[in-house]
Structure formats: structure tokens, C-alpha cells
Amino acid sequence: MRVLVACEFSGIVRDAFIARGHDAVSCDLLSSEKPGPHIQGDVRYILRHSEWDLLVAHPPCTHLAVSGARWFKDKLREQSEALDFVSLLMRAPIERICIENPVSIISSRIRKPDQIIQPWQFGHGETKATCLWLKNLPLLTPTSIVSGRTPRVHHASPGPDRWKERSRTLPGIAAAMAEQWGNL
């Protein structure tokens, strides 16, 4: 299966699909943190010029996540552009699509998510509600429910790279995506 993992600099989801034998490529404006198939550039170009079986997209949540609601009134243009980008990803000419984002205005402006997952359902003892908007994909089935409900990402220390830590998909969730969606 040809898999495009959009807006991913970490390589975590890409590598989970590669580990299961898929032809997976990540794409981001940033370079990849890990070696592997990665296109540094705008995913809009990649969508127009390549064929894919599955798109797993992690659009930037900076102007979308409700955790930043107190600043919404000051970023109407940025929100509109971010929502347009999410809509473009949802309409991509790819048979199977997953859009992943935290609880955000996507739910009220475009549509409600198909599923909300938590890291503790996939082997990580922490909380971070993650919404999935799915096209022709089944809901993810939890793989390893563990104890612990630490909001690690929420309590991360302020700093210039905090956003990177907050945006990484945890390996247990990536493995579940590859295992469950890679067999379709």
C-alpha cells in the first residue's frame, strides 16, 4: 500500500507503516527528525502529482485547537486558512483518509470527528484527546489499555520546542494505525 503521512516531521507514523511492509512517505515543511522516506515541502504539491492508497494527515493545530480558544478572536484569518487546508486534505482524491487533530474547531466548522482516542488505549499511560476524521477507514480498536492518566503533554514546560513534543503521534497509536488500516 502507498501511504502518505502529511504534516509529519517525526517519522513515527511513517515508520510504523514501513515496519509492516508498506511504501510509506512522510511530508512536512520541516525536515524529518529520523532518516527515512521524507519529502520536505508543501503537501498540496504532492497530492496533485502522486497517487496514494492512504493519507494520514496531521494538519497544524496552532489556529484550530480549542486549547487556544482565548486567542481565537485575534486570528480569524489564520483560522480560516487552517480550516481551508483541512478541507483540502479531507477532499484529497485518495480512497482512504485519516485527519488527526486535538479537540478543535474542525468539529464545529467542518464536521464532528468519527472517533476520539486517548494514548492510554494504545499503551501510553497518559491523556491527550485526539480526534480522528475518517474516510473509508474503520474506527481504531484499542490495542493495550493501560493505567495512568497523566496529562504529560499539557504539563510540558514552556519553551521554543514545546509545540514539537505536543504534535508527535505516540508510537502505540501509530502502530495501531499501521496494523489496523494497513490490512485493508
N, C-alpha and C. Protein backbone atom coordinates (compact mmCIF):
# COMPACT_ATOMS: atom_id res chain seq x y z
N MET A 1 0.84 -1.17 0.00
CA MET A 1 0.00 0.00 0.00
C MET A 1 0.89 1.24 0.00
N ARG A 2 0.53 2.23 -0.78
CA ARG A 2 1.25 3.51 -0.80
C ARG A 2 0.60 4.44 0.22
N VAL A 3 1.36 4.87 1.19
CA VAL A 3 0.84 5.67 2.30
C VAL A 3 1.58 7.01 2.35
N LEU A 4 0.81 8.09 2.37
CA LEU A 4 1.36 9.43 2.55
C LEU A 4 0.99 9.89 3.95
N VAL A 5 1.99 10.24 4.74
CA VAL A 5 1.77 10.77 6.08
C VAL A 5 2.10 12.26 6.00
N ALA A 6 1.06 13.06 5.94
CA ALA A 6 1.21 14.50 5.72
C ALA A 6 1.38 15.25 7.03
N CYS A 7 2.18 16.29 6.97
CA CYS A 7 2.42 17.17 8.11
C CYS A 7 3.03 16.40 9.27
N GLU A 8 4.01 15.54 8.94
CA GLU A 8 4.70 14.76 9.96
C GLU A 8 6.21 14.93 9.79
N PHE A 9 6.84 15.55 10.78
CA PHE A 9 8.30 15.71 10.77
C PHE A 9 8.98 14.63 11.60
N SER A 10 8.21 13.94 12.46
CA SER A 10 8.80 12.97 13.39
C SER A 10 9.13 11.63 12.74
N GLY A 11 8.40 11.25 11.72
CA GLY A 11 8.59 9.95 11.08
C GLY A 11 7.97 8.79 11.83
N ILE A 12 7.25 9.04 12.91
CA ILE A 12 6.71 7.97 13.76
C ILE A 12 5.64 7.17 13.02
N VAL A 13 4.66 7.83 12.44
CA VAL A 13 3.59 7.12 11.73
C VAL A 13 4.16 6.49 10.46
N ARG A 14 4.97 7.24 9.73
CA ARG A 14 5.60 6.71 8.51
C ARG A 14 6.32 5.41 8.81
N ASP A 15 7.16 5.41 9.86
CA ASP A 15 7.95 4.23 10.19
C ASP A 15 7.10 3.06 10.65
N ALA A 16 5.96 3.33 11.28
CA ALA A 16 5.06 2.24 11.69
C ALA A 16 4.51 1.52 10.46
N PHE A 17 4.17 2.27 9.42
CA PHE A 17 3.68 1.64 8.19
C PHE A 17 4.81 0.92 7.46
N ILE A 18 6.00 1.49 7.43
CA ILE A 18 7.14 0.84 6.79
C ILE A 18 7.46 -0.48 7.49
N ALA A 19 7.38 -0.50 8.82
CA ALA A 19 7.66 -1.71 9.59
C ALA A 19 6.70 -2.85 9.23
N ARG A 20 5.54 -2.50 8.71
CA ARG A 20 4.55 -3.50 8.32
C ARG A 20 4.60 -3.78 6.81
N GLY A 21 5.65 -3.28 6.15
CA GLY A 21 5.86 -3.61 4.75
C GLY A 21 5.25 -2.68 3.73
N HIS A 22 4.79 -1.52 4.15
CA HIS A 22 4.15 -0.59 3.23
C HIS A 22 5.14 0.42 2.66
N ASP A 23 4.80 0.96 1.53
CA ASP A 23 5.57 2.03 0.89
C ASP A 23 5.03 3.34 1.47
N ALA A 24 5.65 3.80 2.54
CA ALA A 24 5.17 4.99 3.25
C ALA A 24 6.18 6.11 3.16
N VAL A 25 5.65 7.33 3.00
CA VAL A 25 6.46 8.54 2.88
C VAL A 25 5.84 9.60 3.78
N SER A 26 6.69 10.30 4.53
CA SER A 26 6.20 11.45 5.28
C SER A 26 6.48 12.71 4.49
N CYS A 27 5.71 13.74 4.78
CA CYS A 27 5.87 15.02 4.09
C CYS A 27 5.60 16.13 5.09
N ASP A 28 6.48 17.12 5.10
CA ASP A 28 6.30 18.24 6.01
C ASP A 28 7.13 19.41 5.48
N LEU A 29 6.80 20.60 5.93
CA LEU A 29 7.61 21.76 5.58
C LEU A 29 8.98 21.68 6.26
N LEU A 30 9.04 20.93 7.39
CA LEU A 30 10.29 20.72 8.11
C LEU A 30 10.97 19.45 7.62
N SER A 31 12.26 19.35 7.84
CA SER A 31 12.96 18.10 7.55
C SER A 31 12.54 17.05 8.58
N SER A 32 12.76 15.80 8.25
CA SER A 32 12.40 14.70 9.14
C SER A 32 13.41 14.59 10.28
N GLU A 33 12.91 14.27 11.47
CA GLU A 33 13.80 14.05 12.62
C GLU A 33 14.55 12.73 12.51
N LYS A 34 13.97 11.78 11.75
CA LYS A 34 14.56 10.46 11.63
C LYS A 34 14.83 10.17 10.16
N PRO A 35 15.87 9.41 9.88
CA PRO A 35 16.10 9.05 8.48
C PRO A 35 14.95 8.20 7.96
N GLY A 36 14.66 8.33 6.70
CA GLY A 36 13.60 7.56 6.07
C GLY A 36 12.99 8.35 4.94
N PRO A 37 12.10 7.74 4.19
CA PRO A 37 11.47 8.42 3.06
C PRO A 37 10.69 9.65 3.52
N HIS A 38 11.14 10.81 3.11
CA HIS A 38 10.53 12.06 3.55
C HIS A 38 10.64 13.09 2.44
N ILE A 39 9.55 13.79 2.21
CA ILE A 39 9.55 14.89 1.25
C ILE A 39 9.42 16.18 2.05
N GLN A 40 10.42 17.03 1.97
CA GLN A 40 10.33 18.32 2.64
C GLN A 40 9.71 19.29 1.65
N GLY A 41 8.48 19.69 1.94
CA GLY A 41 7.78 20.59 1.05
C GLY A 41 6.30 20.63 1.37
N ASP A 42 5.57 21.30 0.51
CA ASP A 42 4.14 21.52 0.69
C ASP A 42 3.36 20.30 0.21
N VAL A 43 2.58 19.71 1.09
CA VAL A 43 1.82 18.51 0.75
C VAL A 43 0.82 18.76 -0.38
N ARG A 44 0.40 19.98 -0.57
CA ARG A 44 -0.55 20.27 -1.66
C ARG A 44 0.05 19.91 -3.01
N TYR A 45 1.33 20.12 -3.18
CA TYR A 45 2.01 19.75 -4.43
C TYR A 45 2.04 18.23 -4.57
N ILE A 46 2.36 17.54 -3.49
CA ILE A 46 2.45 16.07 -3.50
C ILE A 46 1.10 15.46 -3.85
N LEU A 47 0.03 16.01 -3.30
CA LEU A 47 -1.32 15.48 -3.57
C LEU A 47 -1.69 15.62 -5.04
N ARG A 48 -1.22 16.67 -5.69
CA ARG A 48 -1.54 16.90 -7.11
C ARG A 48 -0.72 16.03 -8.05
N HIS A 49 0.44 15.57 -7.60
CA HIS A 49 1.36 14.93 -8.52
C HIS A 49 1.71 13.48 -8.18
N SER A 50 0.99 12.85 -7.30
CA SER A 50 1.28 11.46 -6.93
C SER A 50 -0.02 10.73 -6.61
N GLU A 51 0.04 9.41 -6.67
CA GLU A 51 -1.12 8.56 -6.34
C GLU A 51 -0.85 7.85 -5.02
N TRP A 52 -1.85 7.83 -4.16
CA TRP A 52 -1.71 7.22 -2.84
C TRP A 52 -2.93 6.36 -2.54
N ASP A 53 -2.75 5.34 -1.71
CA ASP A 53 -3.86 4.48 -1.26
C ASP A 53 -4.43 4.96 0.06
N LEU A 54 -3.59 5.61 0.87
CA LEU A 54 -3.99 6.06 2.21
C LEU A 54 -3.28 7.36 2.53
N LEU A 55 -4.03 8.30 3.08
CA LEU A 55 -3.48 9.55 3.59
C LEU A 55 -3.75 9.62 5.08
N VAL A 56 -2.69 9.77 5.87
CA VAL A 56 -2.82 10.04 7.30
C VAL A 56 -2.24 11.45 7.47
N ALA A 57 -3.09 12.40 7.82
CA ALA A 57 -2.66 13.80 7.86
C ALA A 57 -2.79 14.37 9.27
N HIS A 58 -1.79 15.14 9.63
CA HIS A 58 -1.73 15.79 10.94
C HIS A 58 -1.62 17.30 10.72
N PRO A 59 -2.67 17.95 10.22
CA PRO A 59 -2.55 19.39 9.93
C PRO A 59 -2.21 20.18 11.20
N PRO A 60 -1.43 21.23 11.05
CA PRO A 60 -1.05 22.03 12.22
C PRO A 60 -2.29 22.51 12.99
N CYS A 61 -2.22 22.38 14.30
CA CYS A 61 -3.38 22.71 15.13
C CYS A 61 -3.29 24.09 15.77
N THR A 62 -2.24 24.82 15.48
CA THR A 62 -1.98 26.10 16.14
C THR A 62 -3.19 27.03 16.14
N HIS A 63 -3.89 27.12 15.03
CA HIS A 63 -5.03 28.04 14.92
C HIS A 63 -6.37 27.32 15.01
N LEU A 64 -6.35 26.02 15.34
CA LEU A 64 -7.56 25.21 15.36
C LEU A 64 -7.93 24.67 16.74
N ALA A 65 -6.95 24.30 17.54
CA ALA A 65 -7.20 23.61 18.81
C ALA A 65 -7.92 24.50 19.81
N VAL A 66 -8.91 23.92 20.47
CA VAL A 66 -9.67 24.70 21.45
C VAL A 66 -8.83 25.07 22.67
N SER A 67 -7.68 24.43 22.83
CA SER A 67 -6.80 24.82 23.93
C SER A 67 -6.31 26.26 23.77
N GLY A 68 -6.39 26.80 22.56
CA GLY A 68 -6.00 28.19 22.32
C GLY A 68 -7.18 29.11 22.09
N ALA A 69 -8.35 28.72 22.59
CA ALA A 69 -9.58 29.48 22.32
C ALA A 69 -9.49 30.94 22.76
N ARG A 70 -8.73 31.22 23.79
CA ARG A 70 -8.67 32.61 24.26
C ARG A 70 -8.06 33.55 23.23
N TRP A 71 -7.35 33.00 22.23
CA TRP A 71 -6.75 33.83 21.18
C TRP A 71 -7.54 33.82 19.87
N PHE A 72 -8.64 33.08 19.82
CA PHE A 72 -9.40 32.93 18.57
C PHE A 72 -9.80 34.27 17.96
N LYS A 73 -10.23 35.21 18.77
CA LYS A 73 -10.72 36.49 18.24
C LYS A 73 -9.64 37.26 17.49
N ASP A 74 -8.38 36.96 17.79
CA ASP A 74 -7.27 37.68 17.16
C ASP A 74 -6.69 36.96 15.95
N LYS A 75 -7.25 35.81 15.60
CA LYS A 75 -6.66 35.06 14.49
C LYS A 75 -7.71 34.49 13.54
N LEU A 76 -8.67 35.30 13.19
CA LEU A 76 -9.75 34.84 12.30
C LEU A 76 -9.22 34.45 10.91
N ARG A 77 -8.30 35.24 10.36
CA ARG A 77 -7.76 34.92 9.04
C ARG A 77 -6.96 33.62 9.09
N GLU A 78 -6.13 33.45 10.10
CA GLU A 78 -5.33 32.24 10.24
C GLU A 78 -6.21 31.01 10.42
N GLN A 79 -7.30 31.17 11.19
CA GLN A 79 -8.23 30.06 11.37
C GLN A 79 -8.89 29.68 10.05
N SER A 80 -9.31 30.67 9.30
CA SER A 80 -9.94 30.42 8.01
C SER A 80 -8.99 29.66 7.08
N GLU A 81 -7.73 30.09 7.03
CA GLU A 81 -6.74 29.41 6.18
C GLU A 81 -6.48 27.98 6.67
N ALA A 82 -6.42 27.79 7.98
CA ALA A 82 -6.20 26.46 8.54
C ALA A 82 -7.37 25.53 8.23
N LEU A 83 -8.59 26.05 8.33
CA LEU A 83 -9.77 25.24 8.00
C LEU A 83 -9.82 24.91 6.51
N ASP A 84 -9.42 25.85 5.67
CA ASP A 84 -9.35 25.59 4.23
C ASP A 84 -8.36 24.46 3.94
N PHE A 85 -7.24 24.46 4.65
CA PHE A 85 -6.23 23.42 4.46
C PHE A 85 -6.78 22.06 4.89
N VAL A 86 -7.48 22.01 6.03
CA VAL A 86 -8.08 20.76 6.49
C VAL A 86 -9.11 20.27 5.47
N SER A 87 -9.92 21.16 4.96
CA SER A 87 -10.92 20.78 3.94
C SER A 87 -10.25 20.22 2.70
N LEU A 88 -9.16 20.84 2.28
CA LEU A 88 -8.42 20.34 1.12
C LEU A 88 -7.92 18.91 1.37
N LEU A 89 -7.38 18.67 2.56
CA LEU A 89 -6.92 17.32 2.88
C LEU A 89 -8.08 16.32 2.90
N MET A 90 -9.21 16.73 3.45
CA MET A 90 -10.37 15.83 3.51
C MET A 90 -10.91 15.50 2.11
N ARG A 91 -10.75 16.42 1.18
CA ARG A 91 -11.24 16.22 -0.20
C ARG A 91 -10.19 15.62 -1.13
N ALA A 92 -9.04 15.29 -0.62
CA ALA A 92 -7.97 14.74 -1.47
C ALA A 92 -8.49 13.52 -2.23
N PRO A 93 -8.03 13.34 -3.47
CA PRO A 93 -8.50 12.20 -4.28
C PRO A 93 -7.81 10.89 -3.89
N ILE A 94 -8.01 10.52 -2.64
CA ILE A 94 -7.40 9.31 -2.08
C ILE A 94 -8.54 8.50 -1.45
N GLU A 95 -8.53 7.18 -1.68
CA GLU A 95 -9.64 6.35 -1.24
C GLU A 95 -9.83 6.34 0.28
N ARG A 96 -8.72 6.29 1.02
CA ARG A 96 -8.81 6.21 2.48
C ARG A 96 -8.04 7.37 3.09
N ILE A 97 -8.70 8.07 4.03
CA ILE A 97 -8.09 9.25 4.64
C ILE A 97 -8.36 9.26 6.14
N CYS A 98 -7.33 9.64 6.90
CA CYS A 98 -7.47 9.95 8.33
C CYS A 98 -6.89 11.34 8.55
N ILE A 99 -7.68 12.22 9.12
CA ILE A 99 -7.20 13.53 9.57
C ILE A 99 -7.15 13.45 11.09
N GLU A 100 -5.99 13.76 11.66
CA GLU A 100 -5.79 13.67 13.10
C GLU A 100 -5.53 15.07 13.65
N ASN A 101 -6.22 15.42 14.73
CA ASN A 101 -6.04 16.72 15.37
C ASN A 101 -6.58 16.64 16.78
N PRO A 102 -6.12 17.53 17.67
CA PRO A 102 -6.74 17.57 19.00
C PRO A 102 -8.17 18.11 18.89
N VAL A 103 -8.85 18.17 19.99
CA VAL A 103 -10.19 18.76 20.01
C VAL A 103 -10.06 20.17 19.45
N SER A 104 -10.85 20.46 18.42
CA SER A 104 -10.62 21.71 17.69
C SER A 104 -11.91 22.22 17.05
N ILE A 105 -11.78 23.37 16.40
CA ILE A 105 -12.93 23.96 15.72
C ILE A 105 -13.28 23.24 14.42
N ILE A 106 -12.48 22.27 14.03
CA ILE A 106 -12.86 21.43 12.90
C ILE A 106 -14.23 20.81 13.18
N SER A 107 -14.44 20.43 14.44
CA SER A 107 -15.70 19.77 14.85
C SER A 107 -16.92 20.65 14.65
N SER A 108 -16.79 21.94 14.85
CA SER A 108 -17.94 22.83 14.72
C SER A 108 -18.00 23.51 13.36
N ARG A 109 -16.88 23.64 12.67
CA ARG A 109 -16.86 24.36 11.40
C ARG A 109 -16.93 23.45 10.18
N ILE A 110 -16.44 22.21 10.30
CA ILE A 110 -16.47 21.29 9.16
C ILE A 110 -17.39 20.12 9.48
N ARG A 111 -16.99 19.29 10.43
CA ARG A 111 -17.86 18.21 10.90
C ARG A 111 -17.26 17.59 12.16
N LYS A 112 -18.09 16.88 12.88
CA LYS A 112 -17.66 16.20 14.10
C LYS A 112 -16.68 15.08 13.73
N PRO A 113 -15.76 14.74 14.63
CA PRO A 113 -14.84 13.64 14.35
C PRO A 113 -15.59 12.31 14.37
N ASP A 114 -15.03 11.33 13.69
CA ASP A 114 -15.60 9.99 13.71
C ASP A 114 -15.22 9.25 14.99
N GLN A 115 -14.10 9.65 15.58
CA GLN A 115 -13.61 8.95 16.77
C GLN A 115 -12.72 9.89 17.57
N ILE A 116 -12.74 9.72 18.88
CA ILE A 116 -11.80 10.40 19.77
C ILE A 116 -11.07 9.31 20.54
N ILE A 117 -9.74 9.32 20.42
CA ILE A 117 -8.92 8.30 21.08
C ILE A 117 -8.05 8.94 22.15
N GLN A 118 -7.52 8.10 23.02
CA GLN A 118 -6.62 8.53 24.09
C GLN A 118 -5.37 7.66 24.07
N PRO A 119 -4.20 8.21 24.40
CA PRO A 119 -2.98 7.41 24.42
C PRO A 119 -3.06 6.18 25.31
N TRP A 120 -3.78 6.27 26.45
CA TRP A 120 -3.85 5.14 27.37
C TRP A 120 -4.58 3.93 26.76
N GLN A 121 -5.25 4.12 25.63
CA GLN A 121 -5.90 3.00 24.94
C GLN A 121 -4.90 2.22 24.07
N PHE A 122 -3.69 2.80 23.91
CA PHE A 122 -2.70 2.23 23.00
C PHE A 122 -1.33 2.08 23.66
N GLY A 123 -1.34 1.84 24.99
CA GLY A 123 -0.11 1.51 25.69
C GLY A 123 0.65 2.65 26.33
N HIS A 124 0.11 3.86 26.32
CA HIS A 124 0.80 5.01 26.90
C HIS A 124 -0.05 5.55 28.05
N GLY A 125 0.48 5.56 29.27
CA GLY A 125 -0.28 5.95 30.46
C GLY A 125 -0.47 7.45 30.59
N GLU A 126 -1.11 8.04 29.62
CA GLU A 126 -1.34 9.49 29.66
C GLU A 126 -2.63 9.84 28.92
N THR A 127 -3.03 11.09 29.11
CA THR A 127 -4.23 11.57 28.43
C THR A 127 -3.85 12.62 27.39
N LYS A 128 -4.55 12.60 26.30
CA LYS A 128 -4.47 13.63 25.27
C LYS A 128 -5.54 13.27 24.25
N ALA A 129 -6.72 13.85 24.41
CA ALA A 129 -7.82 13.54 23.50
C ALA A 129 -7.40 13.88 22.07
N THR A 130 -7.50 12.90 21.20
CA THR A 130 -7.09 13.05 19.81
C THR A 130 -8.27 12.66 18.93
N CYS A 131 -8.68 13.59 18.08
CA CYS A 131 -9.83 13.36 17.20
C CYS A 131 -9.35 12.80 15.87
N LEU A 132 -10.16 11.89 15.32
CA LEU A 132 -9.89 11.32 14.01
C LEU A 132 -11.10 11.54 13.12
N TRP A 133 -10.86 12.13 11.95
CA TRP A 133 -11.87 12.29 10.92
C TRP A 133 -11.51 11.27 9.85
N LEU A 134 -12.39 10.32 9.59
CA LEU A 134 -12.06 9.17 8.75
C LEU A 134 -12.88 9.12 7.46
N LYS A 135 -12.25 8.66 6.41
CA LYS A 135 -12.92 8.39 5.13
C LYS A 135 -12.55 6.96 4.72
N ASN A 136 -13.54 6.10 4.65
CA ASN A 136 -13.36 4.70 4.24
C ASN A 136 -12.36 3.95 5.11
N LEU A 137 -12.31 4.30 6.39
CA LEU A 137 -11.47 3.61 7.36
C LEU A 137 -12.32 3.22 8.56
N PRO A 138 -12.07 2.06 9.17
CA PRO A 138 -12.78 1.70 10.39
C PRO A 138 -12.22 2.48 11.58
N LEU A 139 -13.01 2.55 12.62
CA LEU A 139 -12.53 3.14 13.87
C LEU A 139 -11.34 2.32 14.37
N LEU A 140 -10.39 2.99 15.01
CA LEU A 140 -9.28 2.27 15.62
C LEU A 140 -9.76 1.53 16.86
N THR A 141 -9.35 0.29 16.97
CA THR A 141 -9.67 -0.51 18.14
C THR A 141 -8.51 -0.38 19.13
N PRO A 142 -8.79 -0.08 20.40
CA PRO A 142 -7.71 -0.01 21.38
C PRO A 142 -6.89 -1.30 21.39
N THR A 143 -5.59 -1.17 21.54
CA THR A 143 -4.70 -2.33 21.48
C THR A 143 -4.09 -2.71 22.82
N SER A 144 -3.98 -1.74 23.74
CA SER A 144 -3.34 -2.02 25.02
C SER A 144 -3.76 -0.95 26.03
N ILE A 145 -4.89 -1.20 26.68
CA ILE A 145 -5.38 -0.25 27.68
C ILE A 145 -4.51 -0.38 28.93
N VAL A 146 -3.94 0.75 29.34
CA VAL A 146 -3.04 0.76 30.48
C VAL A 146 -3.54 1.75 31.52
N SER A 147 -3.07 1.57 32.74
CA SER A 147 -3.43 2.53 33.79
C SER A 147 -2.56 3.77 33.64
N GLY A 148 -2.93 4.76 34.38
CA GLY A 148 -2.20 6.02 34.30
C GLY A 148 -2.95 7.01 33.43
N ARG A 149 -3.17 8.15 33.96
CA ARG A 149 -3.92 9.16 33.21
C ARG A 149 -3.22 10.51 33.38
N THR A 150 -1.93 10.53 33.12
CA THR A 150 -1.12 11.73 33.28
C THR A 150 -1.26 12.63 32.06
N PRO A 151 -1.58 13.90 32.25
CA PRO A 151 -1.63 14.83 31.12
C PRO A 151 -0.24 15.38 30.80
N ARG A 152 0.69 14.48 30.43
CA ARG A 152 2.10 14.83 30.22
C ARG A 152 2.28 16.00 29.25
N VAL A 153 1.61 15.95 28.12
CA VAL A 153 1.78 16.98 27.10
C VAL A 153 1.24 18.32 27.60
N HIS A 154 0.12 18.28 28.29
CA HIS A 154 -0.49 19.51 28.82
C HIS A 154 0.44 20.18 29.84
N HIS A 155 1.15 19.38 30.61
CA HIS A 155 2.03 19.91 31.66
C HIS A 155 3.47 20.12 31.18
N ALA A 156 3.71 19.98 29.90
CA ALA A 156 5.07 20.18 29.38
C ALA A 156 5.54 21.60 29.68
N SER A 157 6.80 21.72 30.02
CA SER A 157 7.37 23.03 30.33
C SER A 157 7.34 23.94 29.10
N PRO A 158 7.10 25.23 29.31
CA PRO A 158 7.15 26.17 28.19
C PRO A 158 8.54 26.18 27.57
N GLY A 159 8.59 26.47 26.31
CA GLY A 159 9.87 26.55 25.62
C GLY A 159 9.67 26.57 24.12
N PRO A 160 10.72 26.85 23.39
CA PRO A 160 10.59 27.01 21.94
C PRO A 160 10.21 25.72 21.20
N ASP A 161 10.50 24.54 21.79
CA ASP A 161 10.18 23.28 21.12
C ASP A 161 8.99 22.55 21.73
N ARG A 162 8.26 23.21 22.61
CA ARG A 162 7.11 22.57 23.24
C ARG A 162 6.10 22.09 22.20
N TRP A 163 5.88 22.89 21.17
CA TRP A 163 4.92 22.52 20.12
C TRP A 163 5.32 21.22 19.44
N LYS A 164 6.61 20.96 19.29
CA LYS A 164 7.05 19.71 18.66
C LYS A 164 6.66 18.51 19.51
N GLU A 165 6.90 18.60 20.80
CA GLU A 165 6.55 17.50 21.69
C GLU A 165 5.05 17.27 21.71
N ARG A 166 4.28 18.34 21.67
CA ARG A 166 2.82 18.23 21.68
C ARG A 166 2.28 17.62 20.40
N SER A 167 3.01 17.79 19.28
CA SER A 167 2.47 17.36 18.00
C SER A 167 2.85 15.93 17.60
N ARG A 168 3.77 15.30 18.29
CA ARG A 168 4.20 13.95 17.91
C ARG A 168 3.12 12.92 18.22
N THR A 169 2.89 12.03 17.26
CA THR A 169 1.99 10.89 17.48
C THR A 169 2.75 9.85 18.29
N LEU A 170 2.13 9.31 19.29
CA LEU A 170 2.79 8.31 20.12
C LEU A 170 2.90 6.98 19.36
N PRO A 171 3.99 6.24 19.59
CA PRO A 171 4.24 5.01 18.82
C PRO A 171 3.13 3.97 18.90
N GLY A 172 2.46 3.85 20.04
CA GLY A 172 1.37 2.87 20.16
C GLY A 172 0.20 3.20 19.25
N ILE A 173 -0.10 4.47 19.10
CA ILE A 173 -1.18 4.89 18.20
C ILE A 173 -0.75 4.67 16.76
N ALA A 174 0.49 5.03 16.43
CA ALA A 174 1.00 4.82 15.07
C ALA A 174 0.97 3.33 14.71
N ALA A 175 1.39 2.48 15.63
CA ALA A 175 1.40 1.04 15.38
C ALA A 175 -0.01 0.51 15.13
N ALA A 176 -0.98 1.02 15.90
CA ALA A 176 -2.37 0.60 15.71
C ALA A 176 -2.88 1.03 14.34
N MET A 177 -2.55 2.23 13.91
CA MET A 177 -2.95 2.70 12.58
C MET A 177 -2.39 1.77 11.50
N ALA A 178 -1.09 1.49 11.59
CA ALA A 178 -0.44 0.64 10.59
C ALA A 178 -1.00 -0.77 10.58
N GLU A 179 -1.21 -1.32 11.77
CA GLU A 179 -1.72 -2.69 11.87
C GLU A 179 -3.16 -2.79 11.38
N GLN A 180 -4.01 -1.87 11.82
CA GLN A 180 -5.43 -2.00 11.52
C GLN A 180 -5.81 -1.45 10.16
N TRP A 181 -5.19 -0.38 9.72
CA TRP A 181 -5.54 0.22 8.43
C TRP A 181 -4.66 -0.29 7.31
N GLY A 182 -3.50 -0.81 7.64
CA GLY A 182 -2.60 -1.32 6.61
C GLY A 182 -3.04 -2.65 6.02
N ASN A 183 -4.02 -3.27 6.62
CA ASN A 183 -4.50 -4.58 6.13
C ASN A 183 -5.78 -4.46 5.31
N LEU A 184 -6.20 -3.24 5.01
CA LEU A 184 -7.46 -3.07 4.27
C LEU A 184 -7.26 -3.35 2.80
